[in-house]
PDB file of all heavy atoms in Angstrom:
ATOM      1  N   LYS A   1      58.580 104.554 105.011  1.00  0.00           N
ATOM      2  CA  LYS A   1      59.986 104.321 105.288  1.00  0.00           C
ATOM      3  C   LYS A   1      60.838 104.726 104.079  1.00  0.00           C
ATOM      4  O   LYS A   1      61.893 105.411 104.260  1.00  0.00           O
ATOM      5  CB  LYS A   1      60.269 102.918 105.641  1.00  0.00           C
ATOM      6  CG  LYS A   1      61.718 102.653 106.095  1.00  0.00           C
ATOM      7  CD  LYS A   1      61.969 101.167 106.313  1.00  0.00           C
ATOM      8  CE  LYS A   1      61.250 100.659 107.562  1.00  0.00           C
ATOM      9  NZ  LYS A   1      61.652  99.245 107.819  1.00  0.00           N
ATOM     10  N   GLN A   2      60.482 104.341 102.902  1.00  0.00           N
ATOM     11  CA  GLN A   2      61.168 104.638 101.657  1.00  0.00           C
ATOM     12  C   GLN A   2      61.243 106.158 101.451  1.00  0.00           C
ATOM     13  O   GLN A   2      62.367 106.693 101.069  1.00  0.00           O
ATOM     14  CB  GLN A   2      60.521 103.971 100.460  1.00  0.00           C
ATOM     15  CG  GLN A   2      61.296 104.102  99.188  1.00  0.00           C
ATOM     16  CD  GLN A   2      60.627 103.381  98.046  1.00  0.00           C
ATOM     17  OE1 GLN A   2      59.489 103.018  98.073  1.00  0.00           O
ATOM     18  NE2 GLN A   2      61.389 103.062  97.009  1.00  0.00           N
ATOM     19  N   LYS A   3      60.147 106.845 101.634  1.00  0.00           N
ATOM     20  CA  LYS A   3      60.167 108.308 101.424  1.00  0.00           C
ATOM     21  C   LYS A   3      61.018 109.008 102.459  1.00  0.00           C
ATOM     22  O   LYS A   3      61.775 109.922 102.110  1.00  0.00           O
ATOM     23  CB  LYS A   3      58.712 108.784 101.537  1.00  0.00           C
ATOM     24  CG  LYS A   3      57.863 108.481 100.300  1.00  0.00           C
ATOM     25  CD  LYS A   3      56.460 109.041 100.502  1.00  0.00           C
ATOM     26  CE  LYS A   3      55.595 108.758  99.272  1.00  0.00           C
ATOM     27  NZ  LYS A   3      54.235 109.305  99.428  1.00  0.00           N
ATOM     28  N   MET A   4      60.940 108.583 103.771  1.00  0.00           N
ATOM     29  CA  MET A   4      61.777 109.166 104.754  1.00  0.00           C
ATOM     30  C   MET A   4      63.233 108.884 104.514  1.00  0.00           C
ATOM     31  O   MET A   4      64.080 109.754 104.774  1.00  0.00           O
ATOM     32  CB  MET A   4      61.357 108.678 106.129  1.00  0.00           C
ATOM     33  CG  MET A   4      59.990 109.178 106.625  1.00  0.00           C
ATOM     34  SD  MET A   4      59.579 108.807 108.248  1.00  0.00           S
ATOM     35  CE  MET A   4      57.968 109.586 108.524  1.00  0.00           C
ATOM     36  N   ASN A   5      63.520 107.659 104.045  1.00  0.00           N
ATOM     37  CA  ASN A   5      64.943 107.325 103.757  1.00  0.00           C
ATOM     38  C   ASN A   5      65.514 108.250 102.694  1.00  0.00           C
ATOM     39  O   ASN A   5      66.648 108.694 102.804  1.00  0.00           O
ATOM     40  CB  ASN A   5      65.049 105.863 103.198  1.00  0.00           C
ATOM     41  CG  ASN A   5      65.044 104.856 104.354  1.00  0.00           C
ATOM     42  OD1 ASN A   5      65.293 105.121 105.497  1.00  0.00           O
ATOM     43  ND2 ASN A   5      64.745 103.599 103.978  1.00  0.00           N
ATOM     44  N   GLY A   6      64.687 108.517 101.706  1.00  0.00           N
ATOM     45  CA  GLY A   6      65.108 109.428 100.634  1.00  0.00           C
ATOM     46  C   GLY A   6      65.505 110.834 101.140  1.00  0.00           C
ATOM     47  O   GLY A   6      66.578 111.374 100.775  1.00  0.00           O
ATOM     48  N   HIS A   7      64.712 111.396 102.013  1.00  0.00           N
ATOM     49  CA  HIS A   7      64.979 112.783 102.475  1.00  0.00           C
ATOM     50  C   HIS A   7      66.183 112.672 103.502  1.00  0.00           C
ATOM     51  O   HIS A   7      66.902 113.664 103.565  1.00  0.00           O
ATOM     52  CB  HIS A   7      63.714 113.334 103.113  1.00  0.00           C
ATOM     53  CG  HIS A   7      62.710 113.769 102.170  1.00  0.00           C
ATOM     54  ND1 HIS A   7      62.873 114.785 101.197  1.00  0.00           N
ATOM     55  CD2 HIS A   7      61.482 113.202 101.776  1.00  0.00           C
ATOM     56  CE1 HIS A   7      61.811 114.910 100.451  1.00  0.00           C
ATOM     57  NE2 HIS A   7      60.970 113.959 100.821  1.00  0.00           N
ATOM     58  N   THR A   8      66.260 111.688 104.292  1.00  0.00           N
ATOM     59  CA  THR A   8      67.388 111.557 105.240  1.00  0.00           C
ATOM     60  C   THR A   8      68.694 111.390 104.515  1.00  0.00           C
ATOM     61  O   THR A   8      69.642 111.917 104.894  1.00  0.00           O
ATOM     62  CB  THR A   8      67.126 110.344 106.192  1.00  0.00           C
ATOM     63  OG1 THR A   8      65.883 110.487 106.837  1.00  0.00           O
ATOM     64  CG2 THR A   8      68.186 110.305 107.318  1.00  0.00           C
ATOM     65  N   MET A   9      68.681 110.597 103.440  1.00  0.00           N
ATOM     66  CA  MET A   9      69.846 110.378 102.617  1.00  0.00           C
ATOM     67  C   MET A   9      70.249 111.662 101.944  1.00  0.00           C
ATOM     68  O   MET A   9      71.471 111.963 101.739  1.00  0.00           O
ATOM     69  CB  MET A   9      69.657 109.248 101.684  1.00  0.00           C
ATOM     70  CG  MET A   9      69.737 107.796 102.272  1.00  0.00           C
ATOM     71  SD  MET A   9      71.312 107.537 103.180  1.00  0.00           S
ATOM     72  CE  MET A   9      72.497 107.687 101.784  1.00  0.00           C
ATOM     73  N   LEU A  10      69.204 112.417 101.434  1.00  0.00           N
ATOM     74  CA  LEU A  10      69.572 113.738 100.787  1.00  0.00           C
ATOM     75  C   LEU A  10      70.227 114.673 101.681  1.00  0.00           C
ATOM     76  O   LEU A  10      71.087 115.337 101.376  1.00  0.00           O
ATOM     77  CB  LEU A  10      68.283 114.254 100.195  1.00  0.00           C
ATOM     78  CG  LEU A  10      68.384 115.532  99.409  1.00  0.00           C
ATOM     79  CD1 LEU A  10      69.300 115.255  98.149  1.00  0.00           C
ATOM     80  CD2 LEU A  10      67.020 116.054  98.941  1.00  0.00           C
ATOM     81  N   PHE A  11      69.731 114.623 102.962  1.00  0.00           N
ATOM     82  CA  PHE A  11      70.335 115.551 103.955  1.00  0.00           C
ATOM     83  C   PHE A  11      71.773 115.108 104.191  1.00  0.00           C
ATOM     84  O   PHE A  11      72.702 115.978 104.318  1.00  0.00           O
ATOM     85  CB  PHE A  11      69.564 115.384 105.295  1.00  0.00           C
ATOM     86  CG  PHE A  11      69.994 116.234 106.442  1.00  0.00           C
ATOM     87  CD1 PHE A  11      70.324 117.596 106.209  1.00  0.00           C
ATOM     88  CD2 PHE A  11      70.181 115.753 107.655  1.00  0.00           C
ATOM     89  CE1 PHE A  11      70.794 118.400 107.310  1.00  0.00           C
ATOM     90  CE2 PHE A  11      70.685 116.466 108.708  1.00  0.00           C
ATOM     91  CZ  PHE A  11      71.001 117.813 108.521  1.00  0.00           C
ATOM     92  N   TYR A  12      72.043 113.854 104.294  1.00  0.00           N
ATOM     93  CA  TYR A  12      73.410 113.323 104.470  1.00  0.00           C
ATOM     94  C   TYR A  12      74.274 113.683 103.306  1.00  0.00           C
ATOM     95  O   TYR A  12      75.449 114.133 103.464  1.00  0.00           O
ATOM     96  CB  TYR A  12      73.298 111.747 104.592  1.00  0.00           C
ATOM     97  CG  TYR A  12      74.677 111.102 104.531  1.00  0.00           C
ATOM     98  CD1 TYR A  12      75.612 111.356 105.613  1.00  0.00           C
ATOM     99  CD2 TYR A  12      75.075 110.269 103.527  1.00  0.00           C
ATOM    100  CE1 TYR A  12      76.897 110.766 105.568  1.00  0.00           C
ATOM    101  CE2 TYR A  12      76.317 109.676 103.476  1.00  0.00           C
ATOM    102  CZ  TYR A  12      77.274 109.902 104.549  1.00  0.00           C
ATOM    103  OH  TYR A  12      78.443 109.315 104.510  1.00  0.00           O
ATOM    104  N   PHE A  13      73.737 113.609 102.115  1.00  0.00           N
ATOM    105  CA  PHE A  13      74.502 113.999 100.890  1.00  0.00           C
ATOM    106  C   PHE A  13      74.809 115.500 100.924  1.00  0.00           C
ATOM    107  O   PHE A  13      75.954 115.878 100.590  1.00  0.00           O
ATOM    108  CB  PHE A  13      73.640 113.641  99.634  1.00  0.00           C
ATOM    109  CG  PHE A  13      74.381 113.977  98.382  1.00  0.00           C
ATOM    110  CD1 PHE A  13      75.405 113.237  97.941  1.00  0.00           C
ATOM    111  CD2 PHE A  13      73.947 115.066  97.558  1.00  0.00           C
ATOM    112  CE1 PHE A  13      76.099 113.466  96.758  1.00  0.00           C
ATOM    113  CE2 PHE A  13      74.550 115.359  96.363  1.00  0.00           C
ATOM    114  CZ  PHE A  13      75.690 114.555  95.970  1.00  0.00           C
ATOM    115  N   HIS A  14      73.891 116.269 101.285  1.00  0.00           N
ATOM    116  CA  HIS A  14      74.120 117.748 101.409  1.00  0.00           C
ATOM    117  C   HIS A  14      75.225 118.045 102.426  1.00  0.00           C
ATOM    118  O   HIS A  14      76.148 118.909 102.092  1.00  0.00           O
ATOM    119  CB  HIS A  14      72.893 118.484 101.823  1.00  0.00           C
ATOM    120  CG  HIS A  14      71.804 118.608 100.710  1.00  0.00           C
ATOM    121  ND1 HIS A  14      70.518 119.000 100.990  1.00  0.00           N
ATOM    122  CD2 HIS A  14      71.852 118.254  99.391  1.00  0.00           C
ATOM    123  CE1 HIS A  14      69.762 118.854  99.912  1.00  0.00           C
ATOM    124  NE2 HIS A  14      70.603 118.508  98.875  1.00  0.00           N
ATOM    125  N   LEU A  15      75.223 117.358 103.510  1.00  0.00           N
ATOM    126  CA  LEU A  15      76.267 117.604 104.522  1.00  0.00           C
ATOM    127  C   LEU A  15      77.623 117.128 104.040  1.00  0.00           C
ATOM    128  O   LEU A  15      78.631 117.760 104.326  1.00  0.00           O
ATOM    129  CB  LEU A  15      75.858 116.954 105.814  1.00  0.00           C
ATOM    130  CG  LEU A  15      74.617 117.389 106.567  1.00  0.00           C
ATOM    131  CD1 LEU A  15      74.416 116.645 107.920  1.00  0.00           C
ATOM    132  CD2 LEU A  15      74.603 118.966 106.844  1.00  0.00           C
ATOM    133  N   SER A  16      77.636 116.018 103.304  1.00  0.00           N
ATOM    134  CA  SER A  16      78.878 115.574 102.763  1.00  0.00           C
ATOM    135  C   SER A  16      79.459 116.534 101.752  1.00  0.00           C
ATOM    136  O   SER A  16      80.707 116.542 101.580  1.00  0.00           O
ATOM    137  CB  SER A  16      78.603 114.200 102.115  1.00  0.00           C
ATOM    138  OG  SER A  16      78.242 113.207 103.036  1.00  0.00           O
ATOM    139  N   ASN A  17      78.661 117.237 101.078  1.00  0.00           N
ATOM    140  CA  ASN A  17      79.134 118.225 100.127  1.00  0.00           C
ATOM    141  C   ASN A  17      79.535 119.525 100.737  1.00  0.00           C
ATOM    142  O   ASN A  17      80.103 120.407 100.093  1.00  0.00           O
ATOM    143  CB  ASN A  17      78.080 118.519  99.074  1.00  0.00           C
ATOM    144  CG  ASN A  17      78.165 117.557  97.864  1.00  0.00           C
ATOM    145  OD1 ASN A  17      78.853 117.849  96.957  1.00  0.00           O
ATOM    146  ND2 ASN A  17      77.425 116.464  97.993  1.00  0.00           N
ATOM    147  N   LEU A  18      79.268 119.702 102.087  1.00  0.00           N
ATOM    148  CA  LEU A  18      79.738 120.819 102.827  1.00  0.00           C
ATOM    149  C   LEU A  18      81.085 120.409 103.443  1.00  0.00           C
ATOM    150  O   LEU A  18      81.236 119.932 104.487  1.00  0.00           O
ATOM    151  CB  LEU A  18      78.785 121.090 103.952  1.00  0.00           C
ATOM    152  CG  LEU A  18      79.032 122.424 104.758  1.00  0.00           C
ATOM    153  CD1 LEU A  18      78.962 123.641 103.938  1.00  0.00           C
ATOM    154  CD2 LEU A  18      78.056 122.487 105.928  1.00  0.00           C
ATOM    155  N   CYS A  19      82.118 120.580 102.569  1.00  0.00           N
ATOM    156  CA  CYS A  19      83.419 119.984 102.807  1.00  0.00           C
ATOM    157  C   CYS A  19      84.207 120.710 103.900  1.00  0.00           C
ATOM    158  O   CYS A  19      84.571 121.882 103.762  1.00  0.00           O
ATOM    159  CB  CYS A  19      84.252 119.912 101.534  1.00  0.00           C
ATOM    160  SG  CYS A  19      83.567 118.760 100.317  1.00  0.00           S
ATOM    161  N   ILE A  20      84.481 120.020 104.985  1.00  0.00           N
ATOM    162  CA  ILE A  20      85.390 120.474 106.029  1.00  0.00           C
ATOM    163  C   ILE A  20      86.669 119.786 105.867  1.00  0.00           C
ATOM    164  O   ILE A  20      87.767 120.296 105.976  1.00  0.00           O
ATOM    165  CB  ILE A  20      84.742 120.276 107.405  1.00  0.00           C
ATOM    166  CG1 ILE A  20      83.314 120.734 107.460  1.00  0.00           C
ATOM    167  CG2 ILE A  20      85.608 120.973 108.539  1.00  0.00           C
ATOM    168  CD1 ILE A  20      83.040 122.145 107.069  1.00  0.00           C
ATOM    169  N   THR A  21      86.521 118.467 105.616  1.00  0.00           N
ATOM    170  CA  THR A  21      87.688 117.614 105.359  1.00  0.00           C
ATOM    171  C   THR A  21      87.397 117.030 103.869  1.00  0.00           C
ATOM    172  O   THR A  21      86.317 117.144 103.296  1.00  0.00           O
ATOM    173  CB  THR A  21      87.825 116.454 106.292  1.00  0.00           C
ATOM    174  OG1 THR A  21      86.657 115.688 106.327  1.00  0.00           O
ATOM    175  CG2 THR A  21      88.131 117.031 107.676  1.00  0.00           C
ATOM    176  N   ALA A  22      88.389 116.312 103.348  1.00  0.00           N
ATOM    177  CA  ALA A  22      88.279 115.813 102.025  1.00  0.00           C
ATOM    178  C   ALA A  22      87.472 114.523 102.056  1.00  0.00           C
ATOM    179  O   ALA A  22      87.973 113.404 102.135  1.00  0.00           O
ATOM    180  CB  ALA A  22      89.668 115.516 101.391  1.00  0.00           C
ATOM    181  N   ASP A  23      86.124 114.666 101.920  1.00  0.00           N
ATOM    182  CA  ASP A  23      85.235 113.505 101.883  1.00  0.00           C
ATOM    183  C   ASP A  23      84.932 113.138 100.450  1.00  0.00           C
ATOM    184  O   ASP A  23      84.469 113.905  99.618  1.00  0.00           O
ATOM    185  CB  ASP A  23      83.900 113.980 102.552  1.00  0.00           C
ATOM    186  CG  ASP A  23      82.854 112.799 102.723  1.00  0.00           C
ATOM    187  OD1 ASP A  23      83.016 111.788 102.084  1.00  0.00           O
ATOM    188  OD2 ASP A  23      81.971 112.944 103.537  1.00  0.00           O
ATOM    189  N   PRO A  24      85.264 111.903 100.091  1.00  0.00           N
ATOM    190  CA  PRO A  24      85.099 111.397  98.705  1.00  0.00           C
ATOM    191  C   PRO A  24      83.635 111.596  98.213  1.00  0.00           C
ATOM    192  O   PRO A  24      83.498 111.820  97.009  1.00  0.00           O
ATOM    193  CB  PRO A  24      85.422 109.920  98.787  1.00  0.00           C
ATOM    194  CG  PRO A  24      86.381 109.758  99.959  1.00  0.00           C
ATOM    195  CD  PRO A  24      85.798 110.873 100.939  1.00  0.00           C
ATOM    196  N   MET A  25      82.695 111.551  99.052  1.00  0.00           N
ATOM    197  CA  MET A  25      81.254 111.765  98.588  1.00  0.00           C
ATOM    198  C   MET A  25      81.042 113.109  97.959  1.00  0.00           C
ATOM    199  O   MET A  25      80.168 113.299  97.192  1.00  0.00           O
ATOM    200  CB  MET A  25      80.315 111.535  99.773  1.00  0.00           C
ATOM    201  CG  MET A  25      79.944 110.111 100.050  1.00  0.00           C
ATOM    202  SD  MET A  25      78.383 109.964 100.965  1.00  0.00           S
ATOM    203  CE  MET A  25      77.245 110.494  99.792  1.00  0.00           C
ATOM    204  N   ALA A  26      81.931 114.107  98.319  1.00  0.00           N
ATOM    205  CA  ALA A  26      81.708 115.444  97.790  1.00  0.00           C
ATOM    206  C   ALA A  26      81.946 115.532  96.267  1.00  0.00           C
ATOM    207  O   ALA A  26      81.446 116.466  95.624  1.00  0.00           O
ATOM    208  CB  ALA A  26      82.667 116.395  98.562  1.00  0.00           C
ATOM    209  N   LEU A  27      82.633 114.592  95.697  1.00  0.00           N
ATOM    210  CA  LEU A  27      82.896 114.552  94.329  1.00  0.00           C
ATOM    211  C   LEU A  27      81.945 113.795  93.488  1.00  0.00           C
ATOM    212  O   LEU A  27      82.002 113.804  92.264  1.00  0.00           O
ATOM    213  CB  LEU A  27      84.370 114.139  94.080  1.00  0.00           C
ATOM    214  CG  LEU A  27      85.419 114.945  94.701  1.00  0.00           C
ATOM    215  CD1 LEU A  27      86.840 114.338  94.412  1.00  0.00           C
ATOM    216  CD2 LEU A  27      85.434 116.336  94.226  1.00  0.00           C
ATOM    217  N   LEU A  28      81.033 113.076  94.127  1.00  0.00           N
ATOM    218  CA  LEU A  28      80.101 112.232  93.427  1.00  0.00           C
ATOM    219  C   LEU A  28      79.186 112.979  92.477  1.00  0.00           C
ATOM    220  O   LEU A  28      78.730 112.502  91.516  1.00  0.00           O
ATOM    221  CB  LEU A  28      79.291 111.401  94.409  1.00  0.00           C
ATOM    222  CG  LEU A  28      80.053 110.312  95.161  1.00  0.00           C
ATOM    223  CD1 LEU A  28      78.998 109.608  96.189  1.00  0.00           C
ATOM    224  CD2 LEU A  28      80.635 109.277  94.276  1.00  0.00           C
ATOM    225  N   SER A  29      78.877 114.261  92.869  1.00  0.00           N
ATOM    226  CA  SER A  29      77.948 115.021  92.091  1.00  0.00           C
ATOM    227  C   SER A  29      78.533 115.741  90.848  1.00  0.00           C
ATOM    228  O   SER A  29      77.876 116.309  90.028  1.00  0.00           O
ATOM    229  CB  SER A  29      77.311 116.066  93.002  1.00  0.00           C
ATOM    230  OG  SER A  29      78.228 116.928  93.529  1.00  0.00           O
ATOM    231  N   ALA A  30      79.866 115.607  90.799  1.00  0.00           N
ATOM    232  CA  ALA A  30      80.557 116.245  89.668  1.00  0.00           C
ATOM    233  C   ALA A  30      80.386 115.417  88.392  1.00  0.00           C
ATOM    234  O   ALA A  30      80.705 114.234  88.298  1.00  0.00           O
ATOM    235  CB  ALA A  30      82.105 116.286  89.976  1.00  0.00           C
ATOM    236  N   THR A  31      79.732 116.088  87.330  1.00  0.00           N
ATOM    237  CA  THR A  31      79.589 115.415  86.079  1.00  0.00           C
ATOM    238  C   THR A  31      80.484 116.027  85.077  1.00  0.00           C
ATOM    239  O   THR A  31      80.429 117.288  84.815  1.00  0.00           O
ATOM    240  CB  THR A  31      78.114 115.635  85.676  1.00  0.00           C
ATOM    241  OG1 THR A  31      77.217 115.120  86.588  1.00  0.00           O
ATOM    242  CG2 THR A  31      77.778 114.949  84.279  1.00  0.00           C
ATOM    243  N   VAL A  32      81.321 115.215  84.440  1.00  0.00           N
ATOM    244  CA  VAL A  32      82.329 115.756  83.504  1.00  0.00           C
ATOM    245  C   VAL A  32      81.798 115.465  82.074  1.00  0.00           C
ATOM    246  O   VAL A  32      81.456 114.389  81.731  1.00  0.00           O
ATOM    247  CB  VAL A  32      83.593 115.005  83.683  1.00  0.00           C
ATOM    248  CG1 VAL A  32      84.705 115.564  82.770  1.00  0.00           C
ATOM    249  CG2 VAL A  32      84.098 115.147  85.185  1.00  0.00           C
ATOM    250  N   LYS A  33      81.745 116.525  81.339  1.00  0.00           N
ATOM    251  CA  LYS A  33      81.325 116.425  79.911  1.00  0.00           C
ATOM    252  C   LYS A  33      82.417 116.235  78.969  1.00  0.00           C
ATOM    253  O   LYS A  33      83.336 117.026  78.808  1.00  0.00           O
ATOM    254  CB  LYS A  33      80.460 117.707  79.505  1.00  0.00           C
ATOM    255  CG  LYS A  33      79.744 117.583  78.183  1.00  0.00           C
ATOM    256  CD  LYS A  33      78.931 118.746  77.960  1.00  0.00           C
ATOM    257  CE  LYS A  33      77.608 118.819  78.831  1.00  0.00           C
ATOM    258  NZ  LYS A  33      76.733 117.719  78.458  1.00  0.00           N
ATOM    259  N   ILE A  34      82.446 115.067  78.379  1.00  0.00           N
ATOM    260  CA  ILE A  34      83.465 114.677  77.391  1.00  0.00           C
ATOM    261  C   ILE A  34      82.852 114.286  76.078  1.00  0.00           C
ATOM    262  O   ILE A  34      82.056 113.364  75.995  1.00  0.00           O
ATOM    263  CB  ILE A  34      84.317 113.460  77.935  1.00  0.00           C
ATOM    264  CG1 ILE A  34      84.981 113.733  79.280  1.00  0.00           C
ATOM    265  CG2 ILE A  34      85.423 113.088  76.902  1.00  0.00           C
ATOM    266  CD1 ILE A  34      86.030 114.803  79.260  1.00  0.00           C
ATOM    267  N   GLU A  35      83.195 115.044  75.041  1.00  0.00           N
ATOM    268  CA  GLU A  35      82.635 114.808  73.711  1.00  0.00           C
ATOM    269  C   GLU A  35      81.105 114.687  73.677  1.00  0.00           C
ATOM    270  O   GLU A  35      80.546 113.660  73.060  1.00  0.00           O
ATOM    271  CB  GLU A  35      83.229 113.559  73.058  1.00  0.00           C
ATOM    272  CG  GLU A  35      84.830 113.760  72.828  1.00  0.00           C
ATOM    273  CD  GLU A  35      85.494 112.579  72.313  1.00  0.00           C
ATOM    274  OE1 GLU A  35      84.745 111.498  72.149  1.00  0.00           O
ATOM    275  OE2 GLU A  35      86.657 112.622  71.863  1.00  0.00           O
ATOM    276  N   GLY A  36      80.415 115.521  74.456  1.00  0.00           N
ATOM    277  CA  GLY A  36      78.977 115.506  74.476  1.00  0.00           C
ATOM    278  C   GLY A  36      78.383 114.504  75.461  1.00  0.00           C
ATOM    279  O   GLY A  36      77.186 114.444  75.642  1.00  0.00           O
ATOM    280  N   GLN A  37      79.240 113.669  76.127  1.00  0.00           N
ATOM    281  CA  GLN A  37      78.693 112.721  77.097  1.00  0.00           C
ATOM    282  C   GLN A  37      78.955 113.198  78.506  1.00  0.00           C
ATOM    283  O   GLN A  37      79.991 113.761  78.799  1.00  0.00           O
ATOM    284  CB  GLN A  37      79.515 111.374  76.914  1.00  0.00           C
ATOM    285  CG  GLN A  37      78.975 110.549  75.725  1.00  0.00           C
ATOM    286  CD  GLN A  37      79.597 109.216  75.764  1.00  0.00           C
ATOM    287  OE1 GLN A  37      80.857 109.008  75.763  1.00  0.00           O
ATOM    288  NE2 GLN A  37      78.776 108.098  75.859  1.00  0.00           N
ATOM    289  N   ASP A  38      77.961 112.951  79.382  1.00  0.00           N
ATOM    290  CA  ASP A  38      78.111 113.266  80.774  1.00  0.00           C
ATOM    291  C   ASP A  38      78.644 112.034  81.507  1.00  0.00           C
ATOM    292  O   ASP A  38      77.997 110.982  81.567  1.00  0.00           O
ATOM    293  CB  ASP A  38      76.716 113.592  81.419  1.00  0.00           C
ATOM    294  CG  ASP A  38      76.245 114.960  80.915  1.00  0.00           C
ATOM    295  OD1 ASP A  38      77.105 115.816  80.516  1.00  0.00           O
ATOM    296  OD2 ASP A  38      75.018 115.191  80.922  1.00  0.00           O
ATOM    297  N   LEU A  39      79.860 112.139  82.093  1.00  0.00           N
ATOM    298  CA  LEU A  39      80.506 111.078  82.710  1.00  0.00           C
ATOM    299  C   LEU A  39      80.875 111.395  84.195  1.00  0.00           C
ATOM    300  O   LEU A  39      80.956 112.481  84.598  1.00  0.00           O
ATOM    301  CB  LEU A  39      81.920 110.750  82.000  1.00  0.00           C
ATOM    302  CG  LEU A  39      81.862 110.406  80.526  1.00  0.00           C
ATOM    303  CD1 LEU A  39      83.228 110.315  79.971  1.00  0.00           C
ATOM    304  CD2 LEU A  39      81.014 109.146  80.328  1.00  0.00           C
ATOM    305  N   ASN A  40      80.897 110.267  84.941  1.00  0.00           N
ATOM    306  CA  ASN A  40      81.299 110.442  86.414  1.00  0.00           C
ATOM    307  C   ASN A  40      82.732 110.762  86.451  1.00  0.00           C
ATOM    308  O   ASN A  40      83.527 110.317  85.575  1.00  0.00           O
ATOM    309  CB  ASN A  40      80.932 109.126  87.192  1.00  0.00           C
ATOM    310  CG  ASN A  40      79.440 108.871  87.272  1.00  0.00           C
ATOM    311  OD1 ASN A  40      78.617 109.799  87.341  1.00  0.00           O
ATOM    312  ND2 ASN A  40      79.109 107.618  87.195  1.00  0.00           N
ATOM    313  N   LEU A  41      83.174 111.344  87.595  1.00  0.00           N
ATOM    314  CA  LEU A  41      84.553 111.710  87.697  1.00  0.00           C
ATOM    315  C   LEU A  41      85.393 110.456  87.700  1.00  0.00           C
ATOM    316  O   LEU A  41      86.488 110.504  87.125  1.00  0.00           O
ATOM    317  CB  LEU A  41      84.800 112.483  89.017  1.00  0.00           C
ATOM    318  CG  LEU A  41      86.200 113.001  89.260  1.00  0.00           C
ATOM    319  CD1 LEU A  41      86.714 113.948  88.233  1.00  0.00           C
ATOM    320  CD2 LEU A  41      86.233 113.696  90.643  1.00  0.00           C
ATOM    321  N   GLU A  42      84.937 109.354  88.288  1.00  0.00           N
ATOM    322  CA  GLU A  42      85.729 108.124  88.379  1.00  0.00           C
ATOM    323  C   GLU A  42      86.021 107.544  87.021  1.00  0.00           C
ATOM    324  O   GLU A  42      86.913 106.691  86.843  1.00  0.00           O
ATOM    325  CB  GLU A  42      85.087 107.121  89.292  1.00  0.00           C
ATOM    326  CG  GLU A  42      83.650 106.723  88.792  1.00  0.00           C
ATOM    327  CD  GLU A  42      82.922 105.846  89.782  1.00  0.00           C
ATOM    328  OE1 GLU A  42      83.261 105.943  90.964  1.00  0.00           O
ATOM    329  OE2 GLU A  42      82.075 105.095  89.334  1.00  0.00           O
ATOM    330  N   ASP A  43      85.169 107.927  85.990  1.00  0.00           N
ATOM    331  CA  ASP A  43      85.396 107.440  84.679  1.00  0.00           C
ATOM    332  C   ASP A  43      86.507 108.052  83.947  1.00  0.00           C
ATOM    333  O   ASP A  43      87.055 107.516  82.996  1.00  0.00           O
ATOM    334  CB  ASP A  43      84.071 107.585  83.838  1.00  0.00           C
ATOM    335  CG  ASP A  43      82.954 106.757  84.412  1.00  0.00           C
ATOM    336  OD1 ASP A  43      83.169 105.675  84.964  1.00  0.00           O
ATOM    337  OD2 ASP A  43      81.798 107.289  84.325  1.00  0.00           O
ATOM    338  N   VAL A  44      86.876 109.362  84.382  1.00  0.00           N
ATOM    339  CA  VAL A  44      87.862 110.075  83.601  1.00  0.00           C
ATOM    340  C   VAL A  44      89.132 110.423  84.481  1.00  0.00           C
ATOM    341  O   VAL A  44      90.014 111.047  83.936  1.00  0.00           O
ATOM    342  CB  VAL A  44      87.238 111.380  83.056  1.00  0.00           C
ATOM    343  CG1 VAL A  44      86.102 111.060  82.048  1.00  0.00           C
ATOM    344  CG2 VAL A  44      86.658 112.169  84.199  1.00  0.00           C
ATOM    345  N   ALA A  45      89.082 110.008  85.731  1.00  0.00           N
ATOM    346  CA  ALA A  45      90.215 110.415  86.596  1.00  0.00           C
ATOM    347  C   ALA A  45      90.312 109.419  87.767  1.00  0.00           C
ATOM    348  O   ALA A  45      89.388 108.735  88.123  1.00  0.00           O
ATOM    349  CB  ALA A  45      90.039 111.836  87.087  1.00  0.00           C
TER     350      ALA A  45
END
């Protein structure tokens, strides 16, 4: 179940990144580099 959940959630994540409308999940993968640190978008904006 855990392994199948992982692949099903990954499929959901991929579809969320295929933006037709402004889905907040689409920005989760954006990593912002500030002074050598990798930060989430919500940390800087």
